[in-house]
Amino acid sequence: MSDPCRLSPPPPFLLGDAARVSLVIAGPDGAHADPISLTLRTLNPQGAATTLRYPDDAAIVRDALGHYHADIVLTQPGTWYWRWQSGHPSLGVAEGRITVQPSRFDPE
């Protein structure tokens, strides 16, 4: 994977934000490539895991050859973890975390 991941909007994240986790996949020659399989796993601050698989889950969006993104709705304050994993022919993984600050306002 090249230029593996970007987050938008840039941190800090607030409770209720949606964090866009973007991924660019490239082969050893630097050419962008689509994997046969792509998985995004998230772990919320309470330890609950979610797994999304492309192309089965529409939440993972293919923007262009080798370019993907998914939006993670941040429903709890604390630290969230994410992990992209691509399958053949462009094997690779990328991991990161998102820190979510609580809101100063009561939920409506």
PDB file of N, CA and C in Angstrom:
ATOM      1  N   MET A   1       0.852  -1.164   0.000  1.00  0.00           N
ATOM      2  CA  MET A   1       0.000   0.000   0.000  1.00  0.00           C
ATOM      3  C   MET A   1       0.896   1.224   0.000  1.00  0.00           C
ATOM      4  N   SER A   2       0.528   2.189  -0.794  1.00  0.00           N
ATOM      5  CA  SER A   2       1.298   3.430  -0.791  1.00  0.00           C
ATOM      6  C   SER A   2       0.415   4.543  -0.274  1.00  0.00           C
ATOM      7  N   ASP A   3       1.036   5.551   0.361  1.00  0.00           N
ATOM      8  CA  ASP A   3       0.260   6.648   0.953  1.00  0.00           C
ATOM      9  C   ASP A   3      -0.961   6.059   1.637  1.00  0.00           C
ATOM     10  N   PRO A   4      -0.735   5.136   2.589  1.00  0.00           N
ATOM     11  CA  PRO A   4      -1.791   4.236   2.961  1.00  0.00           C
ATOM     12  C   PRO A   4      -3.088   4.862   3.427  1.00  0.00           C
ATOM     13  N   CYS A   5      -3.042   5.840   4.284  1.00  0.00           N
ATOM     14  CA  CYS A   5      -4.302   6.289   4.864  1.00  0.00           C
ATOM     15  C   CYS A   5      -4.296   7.766   5.177  1.00  0.00           C
ATOM     16  N   ARG A   6      -5.481   8.338   5.068  1.00  0.00           N
ATOM     17  CA  ARG A   6      -5.697   9.722   5.470  1.00  0.00           C
ATOM     18  C   ARG A   6      -7.007   9.798   6.234  1.00  0.00           C
ATOM     19  N   LEU A   7      -7.058  10.738   7.136  1.00  0.00           N
ATOM     20  CA  LEU A   7      -8.288  10.984   7.881  1.00  0.00           C
ATOM     21  C   LEU A   7      -8.826  12.351   7.509  1.00  0.00           C
ATOM     22  N   SER A   8     -10.142  12.447   7.378  1.00  0.00           N
ATOM     23  CA  SER A   8     -10.753  13.752   7.205  1.00  0.00           C
ATOM     24  C   SER A   8     -12.085  13.733   7.946  1.00  0.00           C
ATOM     25  N   PRO A   9     -12.530  14.815   8.519  1.00  0.00           N
ATOM     26  CA  PRO A   9     -11.769  16.049   8.695  1.00  0.00           C
ATOM     27  C   PRO A   9     -10.547  15.783   9.560  1.00  0.00           C
ATOM     28  N   PRO A  10      -9.586  16.701   9.568  1.00  0.00           N
ATOM     29  CA  PRO A  10      -8.409  16.484  10.410  1.00  0.00           C
ATOM     30  C   PRO A  10      -8.796  16.518  11.890  1.00  0.00           C
ATOM     31  N   PRO A  11      -8.051  15.792  12.734  1.00  0.00           N
ATOM     32  CA  PRO A  11      -8.347  15.808  14.170  1.00  0.00           C
ATOM     33  C   PRO A  11      -8.262  17.217  14.726  1.00  0.00           C
ATOM     34  N   PRO A  12      -8.873  17.555  15.842  1.00  0.00           N
ATOM     35  CA  PRO A  12      -9.541  16.643  16.758  1.00  0.00           C
ATOM     36  C   PRO A  12     -10.951  16.296  16.289  1.00  0.00           C
ATOM     37  N   PHE A  13     -11.402  15.119  16.682  1.00  0.00           N
ATOM     38  CA  PHE A  13     -12.747  14.673  16.352  1.00  0.00           C
ATOM     39  C   PHE A  13     -13.637  14.854  17.573  1.00  0.00           C
ATOM     40  N   LEU A  14     -14.894  15.188  17.314  1.00  0.00           N
ATOM     41  CA  LEU A  14     -15.872  15.359  18.383  1.00  0.00           C
ATOM     42  C   LEU A  14     -16.926  14.272  18.296  1.00  0.00           C
ATOM     43  N   LEU A  15     -17.524  13.968  19.427  1.00  0.00           N
ATOM     44  CA  LEU A  15     -18.606  13.003  19.482  1.00  0.00           C
ATOM     45  C   LEU A  15     -19.658  13.375  18.444  1.00  0.00           C
ATOM     46  N   GLY A  16     -20.039  12.425  17.601  1.00  0.00           N
ATOM     47  CA  GLY A  16     -21.026  12.667  16.556  1.00  0.00           C
ATOM     48  C   GLY A  16     -20.426  12.921  15.192  1.00  0.00           C
ATOM     49  N   ASP A  17     -19.111  13.192  15.119  1.00  0.00           N
ATOM     50  CA  ASP A  17     -18.444  13.356  13.823  1.00  0.00           C
ATOM     51  C   ASP A  17     -18.457  12.038  13.061  1.00  0.00           C
ATOM     52  N   ALA A  18     -18.240  12.152  11.757  1.00  0.00           N
ATOM     53  CA  ALA A  18     -17.954  10.986  10.920  1.00  0.00           C
ATOM     54  C   ALA A  18     -16.536  11.170  10.411  1.00  0.00           C
ATOM     55  N   ALA A  19     -15.672  10.224  10.707  1.00  0.00           N
ATOM     56  CA  ALA A  19     -14.281  10.280  10.253  1.00  0.00           C
ATOM     57  C   ALA A  19     -14.166   9.493   8.959  1.00  0.00           C
ATOM     58  N   ARG A  20     -13.639  10.113   7.930  1.00  0.00           N
ATOM     59  CA  ARG A  20     -13.406   9.422   6.658  1.00  0.00           C
ATOM     60  C   ARG A  20     -11.990   8.867   6.659  1.00  0.00           C
ATOM     61  N   VAL A  21     -11.887   7.551   6.559  1.00  0.00           N
ATOM     62  CA  VAL A  21     -10.600   6.872   6.492  1.00  0.00           C
ATOM     63  C   VAL A  21     -10.390   6.485   5.033  1.00  0.00           C
ATOM     64  N   SER A  22      -9.387   7.096   4.406  1.00  0.00           N
ATOM     65  CA  SER A  22      -9.101   6.850   2.990  1.00  0.00           C
ATOM     66  C   SER A  22      -7.878   5.965   2.849  1.00  0.00           C
ATOM     67  N   LEU A  23      -7.848   5.210   1.765  1.00  0.00           N
ATOM     68  CA  LEU A  23      -6.781   4.253   1.525  1.00  0.00           C
ATOM     69  C   LEU A  23      -6.394   4.281   0.055  1.00  0.00           C
ATOM     70  N   VAL A  24      -5.091   4.246  -0.214  1.00  0.00           N
ATOM     71  CA  VAL A  24      -4.577   4.114  -1.579  1.00  0.00           C
ATOM     72  C   VAL A  24      -3.757   2.837  -1.629  1.00  0.00           C
ATOM     73  N   ILE A  25      -4.068   1.981  -2.590  1.00  0.00           N
ATOM     74  CA  ILE A  25      -3.376   0.704  -2.737  1.00  0.00           C
ATOM     75  C   ILE A  25      -2.562   0.731  -4.019  1.00  0.00           C
ATOM     76  N   ALA A  26      -1.291   0.362  -3.893  1.00  0.00           N
ATOM     77  CA  ALA A  26      -0.405   0.293  -5.058  1.00  0.00           C
ATOM     78  C   ALA A  26       0.443  -0.963  -4.956  1.00  0.00           C
ATOM     79  N   GLY A  27       0.813  -1.489  -6.112  1.00  0.00           N
ATOM     80  CA  GLY A  27       1.682  -2.652  -6.166  1.00  0.00           C
ATOM     81  C   GLY A  27       3.129  -2.262  -5.949  1.00  0.00           C
ATOM     82  N   PRO A  28       4.037  -3.243  -5.995  1.00  0.00           N
ATOM     83  CA  PRO A  28       5.465  -2.975  -5.792  1.00  0.00           C
ATOM     84  C   PRO A  28       6.048  -1.987  -6.803  1.00  0.00           C
ATOM     85  N   ASP A  29       5.430  -1.915  -7.984  1.00  0.00           N
ATOM     86  CA  ASP A  29       5.917  -0.991  -9.014  1.00  0.00           C
ATOM     87  C   ASP A  29       5.352   0.413  -8.854  1.00  0.00           C
ATOM     88  N   GLY A  30       4.506   0.619  -7.840  1.00  0.00           N
ATOM     89  CA  GLY A  30       3.926   1.931  -7.596  1.00  0.00           C
ATOM     90  C   GLY A  30       2.621   2.186  -8.325  1.00  0.00           C
ATOM     91  N   ALA A  31       2.224   1.269  -9.206  1.00  0.00           N
ATOM     92  CA  ALA A  31       0.971   1.441  -9.948  1.00  0.00           C
ATOM     93  C   ALA A  31      -0.212   1.113  -9.039  1.00  0.00           C
ATOM     94  N   HIS A  32      -1.235   1.953  -9.087  1.00  0.00           N
ATOM     95  CA  HIS A  32      -2.435   1.704  -8.297  1.00  0.00           C
ATOM     96  C   HIS A  32      -3.072   0.396  -8.741  1.00  0.00           C
ATOM     97  N   ALA A  33      -3.631  -0.323  -7.780  1.00  0.00           N
ATOM     98  CA  ALA A  33      -4.221  -1.624  -8.065  1.00  0.00           C
ATOM     99  C   ALA A  33      -5.404  -1.865  -7.149  1.00  0.00           C
ATOM    100  N   ASP A  34      -6.381  -2.602  -7.658  1.00  0.00           N
ATOM    101  CA  ASP A  34      -7.513  -3.030  -6.847  1.00  0.00           C
ATOM    102  C   ASP A  34      -7.238  -4.431  -6.319  1.00  0.00           C
ATOM    103  N   PRO A  35      -7.431  -4.643  -5.026  1.00  0.00           N
ATOM    104  CA  PRO A  35      -7.244  -5.985  -4.477  1.00  0.00           C
ATOM    105  C   PRO A  35      -8.468  -6.850  -4.759  1.00  0.00           C
ATOM    106  N   ILE A  36      -8.290  -8.144  -4.652  1.00  0.00           N
ATOM    107  CA  ILE A  36      -9.430  -9.051  -4.776  1.00  0.00           C
ATOM    108  C   ILE A  36     -10.341  -8.890  -3.565  1.00  0.00           C
ATOM    109  N   SER A  37      -9.741  -8.675  -2.400  1.00  0.00           N
ATOM    110  CA  SER A  37     -10.535  -8.475  -1.186  1.00  0.00           C
ATOM    111  C   SER A  37      -9.979  -7.292  -0.400  1.00  0.00           C
ATOM    112  N   LEU A  38     -10.872  -6.617   0.299  1.00  0.00           N
ATOM    113  CA  LEU A  38     -10.489  -5.480   1.129  1.00  0.00           C
ATOM    114  C   LEU A  38     -11.377  -5.498   2.365  1.00  0.00           C
ATOM    115  N   THR A  39     -10.757  -5.390   3.526  1.00  0.00           N
ATOM    116  CA  THR A  39     -11.486  -5.433   4.792  1.00  0.00           C
ATOM    117  C   THR A  39     -11.128  -4.213   5.626  1.00  0.00           C
ATOM    118  N   LEU A  40     -12.138  -3.615   6.248  1.00  0.00           N
ATOM    119  CA  LEU A  40     -11.924  -2.547   7.225  1.00  0.00           C
ATOM    120  C   LEU A  40     -12.524  -3.018   8.542  1.00  0.00           C
ATOM    121  N   ARG A  41     -11.678  -3.077   9.562  1.00  0.00           N
ATOM    122  CA  ARG A  41     -12.140  -3.439  10.898  1.00  0.00           C
ATOM    123  C   ARG A  41     -12.025  -2.217  11.793  1.00  0.00           C
ATOM    124  N   THR A  42     -13.041  -2.003  12.627  1.00  0.00           N
ATOM    125  CA  THR A  42     -12.989  -0.920  13.601  1.00  0.00           C
ATOM    126  C   THR A  42     -13.255  -1.496  14.986  1.00  0.00           C
ATOM    127  N   LEU A  43     -12.683  -0.829  15.964  1.00  0.00           N
ATOM    128  CA  LEU A  43     -12.875  -1.199  17.360  1.00  0.00           C
ATOM    129  C   LEU A  43     -13.235   0.079  18.102  1.00  0.00           C
ATOM    130  N   ASN A  44     -14.442   0.119  18.694  1.00  0.00           N
ATOM    131  CA  ASN A  44     -14.858   1.334  19.391  1.00  0.00           C
ATOM    132  C   ASN A  44     -14.255   1.371  20.794  1.00  0.00           C
ATOM    133  N   PRO A  45     -14.408   2.495  21.513  1.00  0.00           N
ATOM    134  CA  PRO A  45     -13.787   2.617  22.841  1.00  0.00           C
ATOM    135  C   PRO A  45     -14.254   1.572  23.858  1.00  0.00           C
ATOM    136  N   GLN A  46     -15.414   0.981  23.650  1.00  0.00           N
ATOM    137  CA  GLN A  46     -15.918  -0.052  24.561  1.00  0.00           C
ATOM    138  C   GLN A  46     -15.429  -1.446  24.183  1.00  0.00           C
ATOM    139  N   GLY A  47     -14.703  -1.552  23.055  1.00  0.00           N
ATOM    140  CA  GLY A  47     -14.158  -2.838  22.630  1.00  0.00           C
ATOM    141  C   GLY A  47     -15.010  -3.602  21.635  1.00  0.00           C
ATOM    142  N   ALA A  48     -16.115  -3.017  21.190  1.00  0.00           N
ATOM    143  CA  ALA A  48     -16.964  -3.687  20.204  1.00  0.00           C
ATOM    144  C   ALA A  48     -16.346  -3.544  18.813  1.00  0.00           C
ATOM    145  N   ALA A  49     -16.230  -4.663  18.113  1.00  0.00           N
ATOM    146  CA  ALA A  49     -15.607  -4.677  16.789  1.00  0.00           C
ATOM    147  C   ALA A  49     -16.662  -4.687  15.692  1.00  0.00           C
ATOM    148  N   THR A  50     -16.333  -4.036  14.582  1.00  0.00           N
ATOM    149  CA  THR A  50     -17.145  -4.059  13.373  1.00  0.00           C
ATOM    150  C   THR A  50     -16.224  -4.420  12.221  1.00  0.00           C
ATOM    151  N   THR A  51     -16.698  -5.277  11.325  1.00  0.00           N
ATOM    152  CA  THR A  51     -15.920  -5.667  10.155  1.00  0.00           C
ATOM    153  C   THR A  51     -16.725  -5.378   8.902  1.00  0.00           C
ATOM    154  N   LEU A  52     -16.119  -4.647   7.971  1.00  0.00           N
ATOM    155  CA  LEU A  52     -16.718  -4.362   6.668  1.00  0.00           C
ATOM    156  C   LEU A  52     -15.854  -5.004   5.598  1.00  0.00           C
ATOM    157  N   ARG A  53     -16.500  -5.561   4.559  1.00  0.00           N
ATOM    158  CA  ARG A  53     -15.763  -6.201   3.471  1.00  0.00           C
ATOM    159  C   ARG A  53     -16.223  -5.639   2.134  1.00  0.00           C
ATOM    160  N   TYR A  54     -15.242  -5.284   1.304  1.00  0.00           N
ATOM    161  CA  TYR A  54     -15.532  -4.825  -0.050  1.00  0.00           C
ATOM    162  C   TYR A  54     -15.420  -6.021  -0.980  1.00  0.00           C
ATOM    163  N   PRO A  55     -16.346  -6.207  -1.898  1.00  0.00           N
ATOM    164  CA  PRO A  55     -17.427  -5.322  -2.325  1.00  0.00           C
ATOM    165  C   PRO A  55     -18.766  -5.575  -1.646  1.00  0.00           C
ATOM    166  N   ASP A  56     -18.818  -6.454  -0.653  1.00  0.00           N
ATOM    167  CA  ASP A  56     -20.098  -6.820  -0.038  1.00  0.00           C
ATOM    168  C   ASP A  56     -20.758  -5.678   0.724  1.00  0.00           C
ATOM    169  N   ASP A  57     -19.969  -4.831   1.380  1.00  0.00           N
ATOM    170  CA  ASP A  57     -20.506  -3.739   2.190  1.00  0.00           C
ATOM    171  C   ASP A  57     -20.378  -2.413   1.447  1.00  0.00           C
ATOM    172  N   ALA A  58     -21.516  -1.779   1.201  1.00  0.00           N
ATOM    173  CA  ALA A  58     -21.522  -0.503   0.473  1.00  0.00           C
ATOM    174  C   ALA A  58     -20.852   0.616   1.256  1.00  0.00           C
ATOM    175  N   ALA A  59     -20.582   0.411   2.546  1.00  0.00           N
ATOM    176  CA  ALA A  59     -19.923   1.448   3.349  1.00  0.00           C
ATOM    177  C   ALA A  59     -18.479   1.671   2.912  1.00  0.00           C
ATOM    178  N   ILE A  60     -17.866   0.678   2.261  1.00  0.00           N
ATOM    179  CA  ILE A  60     -16.534   0.868   1.676  1.00  0.00           C
ATOM    180  C   ILE A  60     -16.748   1.287   0.231  1.00  0.00           C
ATOM    181  N   VAL A  61     -16.251   2.466  -0.104  1.00  0.00           N
ATOM    182  CA  VAL A  61     -16.486   3.065  -1.422  1.00  0.00           C
ATOM    183  C   VAL A  61     -15.199   3.036  -2.237  1.00  0.00           C
ATOM    184  N   ARG A  62     -15.299   2.551  -3.469  1.00  0.00           N
ATOM    185  CA  ARG A  62     -14.171   2.597  -4.411  1.00  0.00           C
ATOM    186  C   ARG A  62     -14.285   3.910  -5.170  1.00  0.00           C
ATOM    187  N   ASP A  63     -13.311   4.809  -4.963  1.00  0.00           N
ATOM    188  CA  ASP A  63     -13.331   6.122  -5.606  1.00  0.00           C
ATOM    189  C   ASP A  63     -12.685   6.091  -6.986  1.00  0.00           C
ATOM    190  N   ALA A  64     -11.674   5.269  -7.157  1.00  0.00           N
ATOM    191  CA  ALA A  64     -10.941   5.126  -8.417  1.00  0.00           C
ATOM    192  C   ALA A  64     -10.069   3.886  -8.271  1.00  0.00           C
ATOM    193  N   LEU A  65      -9.339   3.549  -9.305  1.00  0.00           N
ATOM    194  CA  LEU A  65      -8.449   2.395  -9.257  1.00  0.00           C
ATOM    195  C   LEU A  65      -7.513   2.509  -8.054  1.00  0.00           C
ATOM    196  N   GLY A  66      -7.633   1.577  -7.106  1.00  0.00           N
ATOM    197  CA  GLY A  66      -6.768   1.556  -5.934  1.00  0.00           C
ATOM    198  C   GLY A  66      -7.094   2.572  -4.855  1.00  0.00           C
ATOM    199  N   HIS A  67      -8.147   3.349  -5.016  1.00  0.00           N
ATOM    200  CA  HIS A  67      -8.521   4.394  -4.051  1.00  0.00           C
ATOM    201  C   HIS A  67      -9.860   4.029  -3.406  1.00  0.00           C
ATOM    202  N   TYR A  68      -9.866   3.969  -2.072  1.00  0.00           N
ATOM    203  CA  TYR A  68     -11.055   3.577  -1.322  1.00  0.00           C
ATOM    204  C   TYR A  68     -11.231   4.493  -0.117  1.00  0.00           C
ATOM    205  N   HIS A  69     -12.464   4.554   0.380  1.00  0.00           N
ATOM    206  CA  HIS A  69     -12.703   5.250   1.641  1.00  0.00           C
ATOM    207  C   HIS A  69     -13.910   4.637   2.346  1.00  0.00           C
ATOM    208  N   ALA A  70     -13.983   4.906   3.638  1.00  0.00           N
ATOM    209  CA  ALA A  70     -15.145   4.540   4.442  1.00  0.00           C
ATOM    210  C   ALA A  70     -15.308   5.605   5.515  1.00  0.00           C
ATOM    211  N   ASP A  71     -16.542   5.865   5.883  1.00  0.00           N
ATOM    212  CA  ASP A  71     -16.840   6.825   6.940  1.00  0.00           C
ATOM    213  C   ASP A  71     -17.177   6.065   8.219  1.00  0.00           C
ATOM    214  N   ILE A  72     -16.517   6.439   9.294  1.00  0.00           N
ATOM    215  CA  ILE A  72     -16.763   5.832  10.602  1.00  0.00           C
ATOM    216  C   ILE A  72     -17.519   6.858  11.439  1.00  0.00           C
ATOM    217  N   VAL A  73     -18.752   6.536  11.812  1.00  0.00           N
ATOM    218  CA  VAL A  73     -19.550   7.438  12.644  1.00  0.00           C
ATOM    219  C   VAL A  73     -19.101   7.244  14.087  1.00  0.00           C
ATOM    220  N   LEU A  74     -18.645   8.324  14.686  1.00  0.00           N
ATOM    221  CA  LEU A  74     -18.029   8.290  16.015  1.00  0.00           C
ATOM    222  C   LEU A  74     -19.093   8.529  17.083  1.00  0.00           C
ATOM    223  N   THR A  75     -19.651   7.442  17.573  1.00  0.00           N
ATOM    224  CA  THR A  75     -20.800   7.496  18.479  1.00  0.00           C
ATOM    225  C   THR A  75     -20.430   7.472  19.954  1.00  0.00           C
ATOM    226  N   GLN A  76     -19.129   7.331  20.248  1.00  0.00           N
ATOM    227  CA  GLN A  76     -18.680   7.293  21.639  1.00  0.00           C
ATOM    228  C   GLN A  76     -17.382   8.074  21.772  1.00  0.00           C
ATOM    229  N   PRO A  77     -17.200   8.799  22.890  1.00  0.00           N
ATOM    230  CA  PRO A  77     -15.908   9.444  23.112  1.00  0.00           C
ATOM    231  C   PRO A  77     -14.865   8.399  23.502  1.00  0.00           C
ATOM    232  N   GLY A  78     -13.618   8.726  23.251  1.00  0.00           N
ATOM    233  CA  GLY A  78     -12.523   7.815  23.582  1.00  0.00           C
ATOM    234  C   GLY A  78     -11.707   7.490  22.343  1.00  0.00           C
ATOM    235  N   THR A  79     -10.950   6.414  22.421  1.00  0.00           N
ATOM    236  CA  THR A  79     -10.066   6.039  21.321  1.00  0.00           C
ATOM    237  C   THR A  79     -10.682   4.919  20.499  1.00  0.00           C
ATOM    238  N   TRP A  80     -10.804   5.166  19.198  1.00  0.00           N
ATOM    239  CA  TRP A  80     -11.256   4.191  18.216  1.00  0.00           C
ATOM    240  C   TRP A  80     -10.031   3.693  17.457  1.00  0.00           C
ATOM    241  N   TYR A  81     -10.056   2.437  17.054  1.00  0.00           N
ATOM    242  CA  TYR A  81      -8.975   1.874  16.250  1.00  0.00           C
ATOM    243  C   TYR A  81      -9.555   1.361  14.936  1.00  0.00           C
ATOM    244  N   TRP A  82      -8.753   1.456  13.878  1.00  0.00           N
ATOM    245  CA  TRP A  82      -9.177   0.938  12.579  1.00  0.00           C
ATOM    246  C   TRP A  82      -8.018   0.196  11.928  1.00  0.00           C
ATOM    247  N   ARG A  83      -8.370  -0.748  11.042  1.00  0.00           N
ATOM    248  CA  ARG A  83      -7.368  -1.544  10.333  1.00  0.00           C
ATOM    249  C   ARG A  83      -7.903  -1.900   8.948  1.00  0.00           C
ATOM    250  N   TRP A  84      -7.193  -1.445   7.920  1.00  0.00           N
ATOM    251  CA  TRP A  84      -7.454  -1.872   6.545  1.00  0.00           C
ATOM    252  C   TRP A  84      -6.588  -3.096   6.278  1.00  0.00           C
ATOM    253  N   GLN A  85      -7.116  -4.060   5.539  1.00  0.00           N
ATOM    254  CA  GLN A  85      -6.324  -5.205   5.104  1.00  0.00           C
ATOM    255  C   GLN A  85      -6.762  -5.564   3.695  1.00  0.00           C
ATOM    256  N   SER A  86      -5.786  -5.599   2.783  1.00  0.00           N
ATOM    257  CA  SER A  86      -6.100  -5.933   1.394  1.00  0.00           C
ATOM    258  C   SER A  86      -5.536  -7.302   1.060  1.00  0.00           C
ATOM    259  N   GLY A  87      -6.253  -7.989   0.166  1.00  0.00           N
ATOM    260  CA  GLY A  87      -5.829  -9.307  -0.278  1.00  0.00           C
ATOM    261  C   GLY A  87      -5.138  -9.243  -1.621  1.00  0.00           C
ATOM    262  N   HIS A  88      -4.766 -10.386  -2.103  1.00  0.00           N
ATOM    263  CA  HIS A  88      -4.049 -10.547  -3.367  1.00  0.00           C
ATOM    264  C   HIS A  88      -4.702  -9.696  -4.460  1.00  0.00           C
ATOM    265  N   PRO A  89      -4.016  -9.074  -5.400  1.00  0.00           N
ATOM    266  CA  PRO A  89      -2.576  -9.155  -5.595  1.00  0.00           C
ATOM    267  C   PRO A  89      -1.785  -8.094  -4.831  1.00  0.00           C
ATOM    268  N   SER A  90      -2.424  -7.173  -4.184  1.00  0.00           N
ATOM    269  CA  SER A  90      -1.710  -6.107  -3.458  1.00  0.00           C
ATOM    270  C   SER A  90      -1.906  -6.306  -1.967  1.00  0.00           C
ATOM    271  N   LEU A  91      -1.175  -7.250  -1.402  1.00  0.00           N
ATOM    272  CA  LEU A  91      -1.306  -7.552   0.018  1.00  0.00           C
ATOM    273  C   LEU A  91      -0.772  -6.402   0.856  1.00  0.00           C
ATOM    274  N   GLY A  92      -1.455  -6.106   1.939  1.00  0.00           N
ATOM    275  CA  GLY A  92      -0.960  -5.067   2.825  1.00  0.00           C
ATOM    276  C   GLY A  92      -1.945  -4.763   3.925  1.00  0.00           C
ATOM    277  N   VAL A  93      -1.460  -4.075   4.944  1.00  0.00           N
ATOM    278  CA  VAL A  93      -2.300  -3.642   6.054  1.00  0.00           C
ATOM    279  C   VAL A  93      -1.924  -2.212   6.426  1.00  0.00           C
ATOM    280  N   ALA A  94      -2.868  -1.512   6.998  1.00  0.00           N
ATOM    281  CA  ALA A  94      -2.633  -0.176   7.548  1.00  0.00           C
ATOM    282  C   ALA A  94      -3.530  -0.053   8.769  1.00  0.00           C
ATOM    283  N   GLU A  95      -2.989   0.496   9.837  1.00  0.00           N
ATOM    284  CA  GLU A  95      -3.754   0.660  11.068  1.00  0.00           C
ATOM    285  C   GLU A  95      -3.610   2.084  11.583  1.00  0.00           C
ATOM    286  N   GLY A  96      -4.580   2.483  12.376  1.00  0.00           N
ATOM    287  CA  GLY A  96      -4.503   3.796  12.995  1.00  0.00           C
ATOM    288  C   GLY A  96      -5.519   3.916  14.107  1.00  0.00           C
ATOM    289  N   ARG A  97      -5.560   5.095  14.675  1.00  0.00           N
ATOM    290  CA  ARG A  97      -6.516   5.341  15.751  1.00  0.00           C
ATOM    291  C   ARG A  97      -7.089   6.739  15.612  1.00  0.00           C
ATOM    292  N   ILE A  98      -8.238   6.907  16.216  1.00  0.00           N
ATOM    293  CA  ILE A  98      -8.955   8.174  16.201  1.00  0.00           C
ATOM    294  C   ILE A  98      -9.346   8.468  17.645  1.00  0.00           C
ATOM    295  N   THR A  99      -8.985   9.631  18.137  1.00  0.00           N
ATOM    296  CA  THR A  99      -9.380  10.036  19.482  1.00  0.00           C
ATOM    297  C   THR A  99     -10.575  10.970  19.367  1.00  0.00           C
ATOM    298  N   VAL A 100     -11.645  10.615  20.050  1.00  0.00           N
ATOM    299  CA  VAL A 100     -12.894  11.372  19.996  1.00  0.00           C
ATOM    300  C   VAL A 100     -13.104  12.070  21.329  1.00  0.00           C
ATOM    301  N   GLN A 101     -13.255  13.378  21.255  1.00  0.00           N
ATOM    302  CA  GLN A 101     -13.493  14.169  22.460  1.00  0.00           C
ATOM    303  C   GLN A 101     -14.988  14.227  22.750  1.00  0.00           C
ATOM    304  N   PRO A 102     -15.365  14.202  24.026  1.00  0.00           N
ATOM    305  CA  PRO A 102     -16.785  14.323  24.343  1.00  0.00           C
ATOM    306  C   PRO A 102     -17.289  15.721  24.011  1.00  0.00           C
ATOM    307  N   SER A 103     -18.581  15.807  23.785  1.00  0.00           N
ATOM    308  CA  SER A 103     -19.207  17.100  23.517  1.00  0.00           C
ATOM    309  C   SER A 103     -19.383  17.860  24.825  1.00  0.00           C
ATOM    310  N   ARG A 104     -19.329  19.164  24.742  1.00  0.00           N
ATOM    311  CA  ARG A 104     -19.614  20.001  25.914  1.00  0.00           C
ATOM    312  C   ARG A 104     -21.115  20.216  26.083  1.00  0.00           C
ATOM    313  N   PHE A 105     -21.879  19.742  25.117  1.00  0.00           N
ATOM    314  CA  PHE A 105     -23.327  19.923  25.135  1.00  0.00           C
ATOM    315  C   PHE A 105     -24.008  18.602  25.458  1.00  0.00           C
ATOM    316  N   ASP A 106     -25.161  18.695  26.118  1.00  0.00           N
ATOM    317  CA  ASP A 106     -25.955  17.502  26.380  1.00  0.00           C
ATOM    318  C   ASP A 106     -26.512  16.992  25.061  1.00  0.00           C
ATOM    319  N   PRO A 107     -26.632  15.657  24.916  1.00  0.00           N
ATOM    320  CA  PRO A 107     -27.246  15.130  23.694  1.00  0.00           C
ATOM    321  C   PRO A 107     -28.683  15.606  23.579  1.00  0.00           C
ATOM    322  N   GLU A 108     -29.106  15.850  22.366  1.00  0.00           N
ATOM    323  CA  GLU A 108     -30.488  16.322  22.143  1.00  0.00           C
ATOM    324  C   GLU A 108     -31.416  15.165  21.932  1.00  0.00           C
TER     325      GLU A 108
END
